[in-house]
Protein backbone atom coordinates (compact mmCIF):
# COMPACT_ATOMS: atom_id res chain seq x y z
CA MET A 1 -5.62 -9.53 -47.92
CA ASN A 2 -3.91 -7.14 -45.47
CA GLY A 3 -2.59 -8.25 -42.63
CA TRP A 4 -1.56 -6.82 -38.86
CA LEU A 5 1.25 -8.59 -36.93
CA ILE A 6 1.65 -6.57 -33.28
CA TYR A 7 4.70 -6.78 -30.89
CA GLN A 8 5.68 -4.94 -28.17
CA PRO A 9 9.07 -2.41 -29.04
CA GLN A 10 11.39 -4.66 -26.64
CA ASP A 11 9.73 -8.05 -28.00
CA LEU A 12 9.91 -7.29 -31.52
CA LEU A 13 13.57 -6.46 -31.40
CA ARG A 14 14.56 -9.95 -29.90
CA ASN A 15 12.21 -11.27 -32.55
CA ARG A 16 12.64 -9.84 -35.49
CA TRP A 17 13.35 -13.31 -37.73
CA PHE A 18 10.56 -14.60 -36.36
CA ALA A 19 8.34 -11.60 -37.29
CA ALA A 20 10.14 -11.63 -41.09
CA GLU A 21 9.59 -15.12 -41.16
CA LEU A 22 5.17 -14.96 -40.66
CA CYS A 23 5.62 -11.94 -43.50
CA LYS A 24 7.18 -13.87 -45.38
CA GLU A 25 4.95 -17.22 -44.74
CA ALA A 26 2.20 -14.36 -45.03
CA ALA A 27 2.97 -13.73 -48.57
CA ARG A 28 2.99 -17.16 -50.20
CA TYR A 29 -1.15 -16.90 -49.08
CA GLY A 30 -1.47 -13.89 -50.63
CA ILE A 31 -1.88 -11.84 -47.49
CA ARG A 32 0.42 -8.66 -46.77
CA LEU A 33 1.21 -8.81 -43.51
CA GLN A 34 2.42 -5.62 -42.17
CA CYS A 35 4.52 -5.10 -38.71
CA PHE A 36 4.72 -2.58 -36.26
CA THR A 37 4.49 -1.97 -32.57
CA ALA A 38 2.22 -1.69 -29.65
CA ASP A 39 3.16 2.25 -29.30
CA ALA A 40 3.12 3.59 -33.11
CA ASP A 41 0.24 4.35 -34.68
CA ALA A 42 -2.07 1.96 -36.51
CA PRO A 43 -2.42 1.61 -40.43
CA GLN A 44 -5.44 3.59 -40.98
CA GLU A 45 -6.69 0.95 -43.70
CA LEU A 46 -8.28 -1.97 -41.52
CA PRO A 47 -6.47 -5.29 -41.76
CA ASP A 48 -8.13 -8.33 -42.29
CA CYS A 49 -6.55 -10.35 -39.73
CA ILE A 50 -4.64 -9.20 -36.82
CA ILE A 51 -2.00 -11.42 -35.34
CA ASN A 52 -1.56 -9.82 -32.01
CA ARG A 53 2.01 -10.66 -30.13
CA SER A 54 1.78 -7.05 -28.25
CA ARG A 55 -0.07 -9.02 -24.76
CA GLU A 56 -2.37 -6.10 -24.89
CA ALA A 57 -5.64 -7.09 -25.52
CA ARG A 58 -6.84 -3.27 -26.77
CA TRP A 59 -4.98 -4.59 -30.13
CA SER A 60 -7.79 -6.90 -30.47
CA MET A 61 -11.24 -6.09 -28.71
CA PRO A 62 -12.19 -2.76 -31.42
CA TYR A 63 -11.53 -4.81 -34.26
CA GLU A 64 -13.42 -8.03 -33.21
CA ALA A 65 -16.66 -6.14 -32.73
CA GLN A 66 -15.89 -4.95 -36.35
CA GLY A 67 -16.07 -8.35 -37.30
CA ILE A 68 -11.93 -8.74 -37.95
CA ARG A 69 -10.52 -12.08 -37.05
CA CYS A 70 -7.49 -11.52 -34.40
CA PHE A 71 -5.11 -14.36 -33.35
CA ASN A 72 -5.01 -14.89 -30.48
CA ARG A 73 -8.68 -13.62 -29.80
CA ALA A 74 -8.92 -10.82 -27.14
CA ALA A 75 -10.37 -13.04 -24.47
CA VAL A 76 -7.25 -14.70 -24.64
CA THR A 77 -4.94 -12.17 -24.68
CA ALA A 78 -6.65 -10.55 -21.72
CA ILE A 79 -6.77 -13.47 -19.60
CA THR A 80 -3.44 -15.17 -20.47
CA ASN A 81 -1.56 -12.41 -19.66
CA ASP A 82 -2.13 -11.36 -16.15
CA LYS A 83 -1.81 -14.42 -14.59
CA LEU A 84 -4.37 -13.83 -11.34
CA ARG A 85 -6.61 -13.81 -14.29
CA THR A 86 -5.41 -17.23 -15.71
CA TYR A 87 -5.46 -18.57 -11.86
CA ALA A 88 -9.19 -17.49 -11.57
CA PHE A 89 -10.42 -18.74 -15.23
CA LEU A 90 -8.89 -22.18 -14.34
CA GLN A 91 -10.07 -22.61 -10.99
CA GLN A 92 -13.50 -21.36 -12.50
CA HIS A 93 -13.59 -24.66 -14.95
CA GLY A 94 -12.49 -27.00 -12.46
CA ILE A 95 -9.20 -26.93 -14.17
CA PRO A 96 -6.01 -28.12 -11.76
CA ALA A 97 -3.38 -25.42 -11.34
CA ALA A 98 -0.87 -24.49 -8.93
CA PRO A 99 -2.74 -22.76 -5.52
CA THR A 100 -1.72 -18.70 -6.45
CA TYR A 101 -2.64 -15.59 -3.89
CA CYS A 102 -2.71 -11.93 -4.82
CA ILE A 103 -0.60 -9.76 -2.55
CA ASP A 104 -1.78 -6.39 -3.09
CA CYS A 105 -1.57 -2.96 -1.88
CA GLU A 106 -4.62 -3.61 0.92
CA THR A 107 -3.42 -6.52 2.09
CA GLN A 108 -2.80 -6.76 5.65
CA ASN A 109 -3.28 -10.36 6.81
CA LEU A 110 -1.20 -12.99 4.71
CA PRO A 111 -3.28 -16.41 3.40
CA SER A 112 -2.87 -18.79 5.07
CA TYR A 113 -0.19 -20.89 3.40
CA SER A 114 3.13 -22.75 4.36
CA LEU A 115 6.58 -22.41 2.84
CA PRO A 116 8.33 -22.23 0.38
CA MET A 117 6.38 -20.57 -2.15
CA VAL A 118 7.58 -18.82 -5.08
CA ALA A 119 6.47 -14.78 -5.90
CA LYS A 120 5.61 -13.75 -8.96
CA PRO A 121 4.71 -10.58 -11.01
CA LEU A 122 1.42 -10.67 -12.14
CA ASP A 123 2.26 -9.89 -15.91
CA GLY A 124 5.78 -11.30 -16.28
CA HIS A 125 6.89 -14.13 -18.99
CA GLY A 126 9.83 -16.04 -19.73
CA GLY A 127 11.01 -16.56 -15.40
CA GLU A 128 11.43 -12.65 -15.50
CA GLY A 129 10.44 -11.46 -11.53
CA VAL A 130 9.95 -14.89 -10.57
CA GLU A 131 11.38 -15.25 -7.01
CA TRP A 132 12.19 -18.39 -4.45
CA ILE A 133 10.53 -17.31 -1.07
CA ALA A 134 12.59 -20.13 1.11
CA ASP A 135 11.97 -19.09 4.50
CA ALA A 136 10.06 -16.57 6.81
CA ALA A 137 12.96 -13.57 6.66
CA ALA A 138 12.67 -13.92 2.45
CA LEU A 139 9.20 -13.49 2.53
CA GLU A 140 9.29 -10.17 5.19
CA ARG A 141 11.82 -9.04 2.26
CA ILE A 142 9.60 -9.75 -0.37
CA LEU A 143 7.24 -7.84 1.37
CA ARG A 144 8.98 -4.82 2.16
CA HIS A 145 10.50 -4.46 -1.33
CA LYS A 146 8.84 -6.19 -3.83
CA LYS A 147 6.35 -4.00 -6.26
CA ARG A 148 2.74 -4.91 -5.45
CA PRO A 149 0.71 -6.33 -6.29
CA PHE A 150 2.34 -9.73 -6.84
CA LEU A 151 2.07 -13.16 -6.51
CA LEU A 152 2.71 -15.88 -4.00
CA GLN A 153 2.33 -19.38 -5.53
CA ALA A 154 2.69 -22.72 -4.02
CA PRO A 155 5.50 -24.21 -5.83
CA MET A 156 5.27 -27.61 -7.96
CA VAL A 157 8.50 -30.31 -8.62
CA ARG A 158 11.32 -27.56 -8.89
CA GLY A 159 13.42 -27.46 -11.79
CA TRP A 160 10.50 -29.33 -14.17
CA ASP A 161 7.64 -27.99 -16.45
CA LEU A 162 6.36 -29.21 -20.27
CA ARG A 163 5.89 -26.42 -22.67
CA VAL A 164 2.40 -27.86 -25.19
CA TYR A 165 2.34 -26.20 -28.23
CA LEU A 166 -0.81 -25.67 -29.44
CA LEU A 167 -1.99 -24.58 -32.60
CA GLY A 168 -5.02 -24.73 -34.52
CA GLY A 169 -6.50 -25.55 -31.24
CA LYS A 170 -4.80 -28.88 -31.09
CA ILE A 171 -1.59 -29.90 -29.57
CA TYR A 172 1.42 -28.78 -32.14
CA HIS A 173 4.82 -30.18 -29.97
CA GLY A 174 5.62 -30.66 -26.43
CA MET A 175 8.92 -29.69 -25.20
CA LEU A 176 10.31 -30.39 -21.19
CA ARG A 177 12.39 -28.00 -19.72
CA THR A 178 14.70 -29.09 -16.77
CA SER A 179 17.32 -27.19 -14.57
CA SER A 180 19.57 -29.13 -12.14
CA SER A 181 20.81 -25.83 -10.73
CA ASP A 182 17.29 -23.33 -10.97
CA PHE A 183 13.82 -24.26 -9.82
CA ARG A 184 13.02 -22.06 -12.79
CA SER A 185 13.32 -24.36 -15.98
CA ASN A 186 12.97 -21.74 -19.09
CA TYR A 187 14.64 -21.92 -22.02
CA SER A 188 15.42 -18.15 -22.09
CA LEU A 189 17.30 -18.90 -18.13
CA GLY A 190 19.63 -21.83 -19.86
CA GLY A 191 17.33 -24.80 -18.97
CA SER A 192 17.85 -27.84 -20.46
CA VAL A 193 14.99 -28.90 -23.23
CA GLN A 194 14.07 -31.88 -24.81
CA SER A 195 11.07 -33.01 -27.20
CA ILE A 196 8.63 -35.26 -25.49
CA SER A 197 4.99 -36.36 -26.26
CA PRO A 198 2.23 -35.80 -23.46
CA ASP A 199 1.09 -38.57 -22.10
CA ASN A 200 -3.30 -39.56 -22.29
CA GLU A 201 -3.28 -37.17 -18.66
CA ILE A 202 -1.42 -34.40 -19.95
CA CYS A 203 -3.84 -34.30 -23.02
CA ARG A 204 -6.96 -34.09 -21.41
CA LEU A 205 -5.48 -31.82 -19.28
CA ILE A 206 -4.66 -29.57 -22.40
CA GLU A 207 -8.42 -30.68 -24.03
CA GLN A 208 -9.84 -28.84 -20.95
CA VAL A 209 -8.20 -25.40 -21.29
CA GLN A 210 -9.12 -25.05 -25.13
CA SER A 211 -12.67 -26.14 -24.74
CA HIS A 212 -12.98 -23.13 -22.28
CA LEU A 213 -10.39 -20.89 -24.03
CA PRO A 214 -9.82 -21.43 -27.86
CA LEU A 215 -6.49 -21.23 -28.31
CA ASP A 216 -4.98 -20.14 -31.91
CA PHE A 217 -1.34 -20.49 -31.14
CA ALA A 218 -0.19 -20.33 -27.44
CA GLY A 219 1.89 -22.60 -25.27
CA ILE A 220 0.14 -23.90 -22.21
CA ASP A 221 3.27 -24.82 -19.58
CA VAL A 222 2.05 -27.96 -17.21
CA LEU A 223 3.67 -28.43 -13.86
CA ARG A 224 4.15 -31.72 -11.99
CA HIS A 225 2.53 -31.77 -8.75
CA PRO A 226 4.23 -33.47 -5.66
CA ASP A 227 1.35 -35.73 -4.55
CA GLY A 228 1.38 -37.15 -8.16
CA GLY A 229 -0.56 -35.58 -11.12
CA TYR A 230 -0.21 -32.27 -13.19
CA VAL A 231 -1.59 -29.01 -13.05
CA ILE A 232 -1.63 -25.84 -15.26
CA GLY A 233 1.35 -23.49 -14.48
CA GLU A 234 0.76 -20.53 -17.34
CA ILE A 235 -0.45 -19.63 -20.51
CA GLU A 236 1.43 -17.83 -23.00
CA ASP A 237 -0.55 -16.47 -25.13
CA ALA A 238 2.89 -14.84 -27.60
CA VAL A 239 4.49 -18.12 -27.62
CA GLY A 240 8.15 -17.80 -28.19
CA CYS A 241 9.08 -20.71 -30.72
CA ARG A 242 13.60 -20.55 -29.85
CA MET A 243 13.15 -24.58 -28.93
CA LEU A 244 11.31 -25.36 -31.46
CA TYR A 245 13.49 -24.33 -34.13
CA GLN A 246 16.39 -25.29 -32.33
CA HIS A 247 15.94 -27.94 -31.55
CA THR A 248 13.09 -29.53 -33.65
CA SER A 249 12.25 -29.69 -37.39
CA LEU A 250 9.51 -28.10 -37.09
CA GLN A 251 8.75 -24.79 -38.78
CA PRO A 252 6.29 -22.45 -36.34
CA ALA A 253 5.91 -19.29 -38.79
CA ALA A 254 4.97 -21.52 -41.64
CA ASP A 255 2.57 -23.44 -39.82
CA TYR A 256 1.05 -20.85 -38.00
CA MET A 257 0.16 -19.36 -41.32
CA LYS A 258 -1.18 -21.98 -43.20
CA GLU A 259 -3.82 -22.34 -40.30
CA ILE A 260 -4.34 -18.56 -40.30
CA ALA A 261 -5.22 -18.84 -44.54
CA ALA A 262 -6.89 -22.35 -43.51
CA GLN A 263 -9.18 -20.29 -41.42
CA LEU A 264 -9.59 -17.39 -43.76
CA SER A 265 -10.28 -19.00 -46.51
CA ARG A 266 -13.14 -21.05 -44.47
CA SER A 267 -14.59 -17.84 -43.22
CA SER A 268 -14.62 -16.61 -46.75
CA ASP A 269 -16.42 -18.74 -48.06
CA ALA A 270 -19.10 -19.49 -45.33
CA PRO A 271 -22.84 -18.24 -46.24
CA LYS A 272 -22.98 -14.92 -45.19
């Protein structure tokens, strides 16, 4: 079997080791995995499967229409890599999320809200471009200088979020990220991490997401609400695995390829 593994050029530079691990593990199951970047021409021979870590649904959508299995599916990539679409999806299905507003080029009257707020780009990841808006002066600066459109989001408990990894639609592992010096707790920004087993309330929240948006391998960021309980912060389609490799004995690339091979095997064995 042949497979494609697709990254953005800058992401592949940062994730060469993980990409190589995926290719190595794929070979164990008789899958020849070709890795290339989203700015390159696709190979002429169509694959049997696509692992799309480019964050672009265009690399999945036309191939899914031809019956090629994509991990994650195009709908997942399209929704989760646009934070406003993610929030709309969560709202539509009654899944708790941090209140979020889009500030676009046409916005004249701002929505009703109270400071502080958090400003985010629509397509950011890893905490990039996220800013804390503490007061009216900071908001005015953001409105004057930040590239539009962008999001304003009500802050949850500062410096705390739980990254729940899903594999094959089931909870794979939980990593709690905390920071005492930054409202962002991202591991890539210096946050502290520890393994944690999600409690029953978080598991039910994750199951709600999975029931409406089937995830092959992804991360769901769960935040604590100041008034109690939890909300979904973001869903990471091309989820990073450094925390898992550095702080657990798990082997995400091996486990992911095992799941992919099993799904492809079940598909090939199904009656035509």
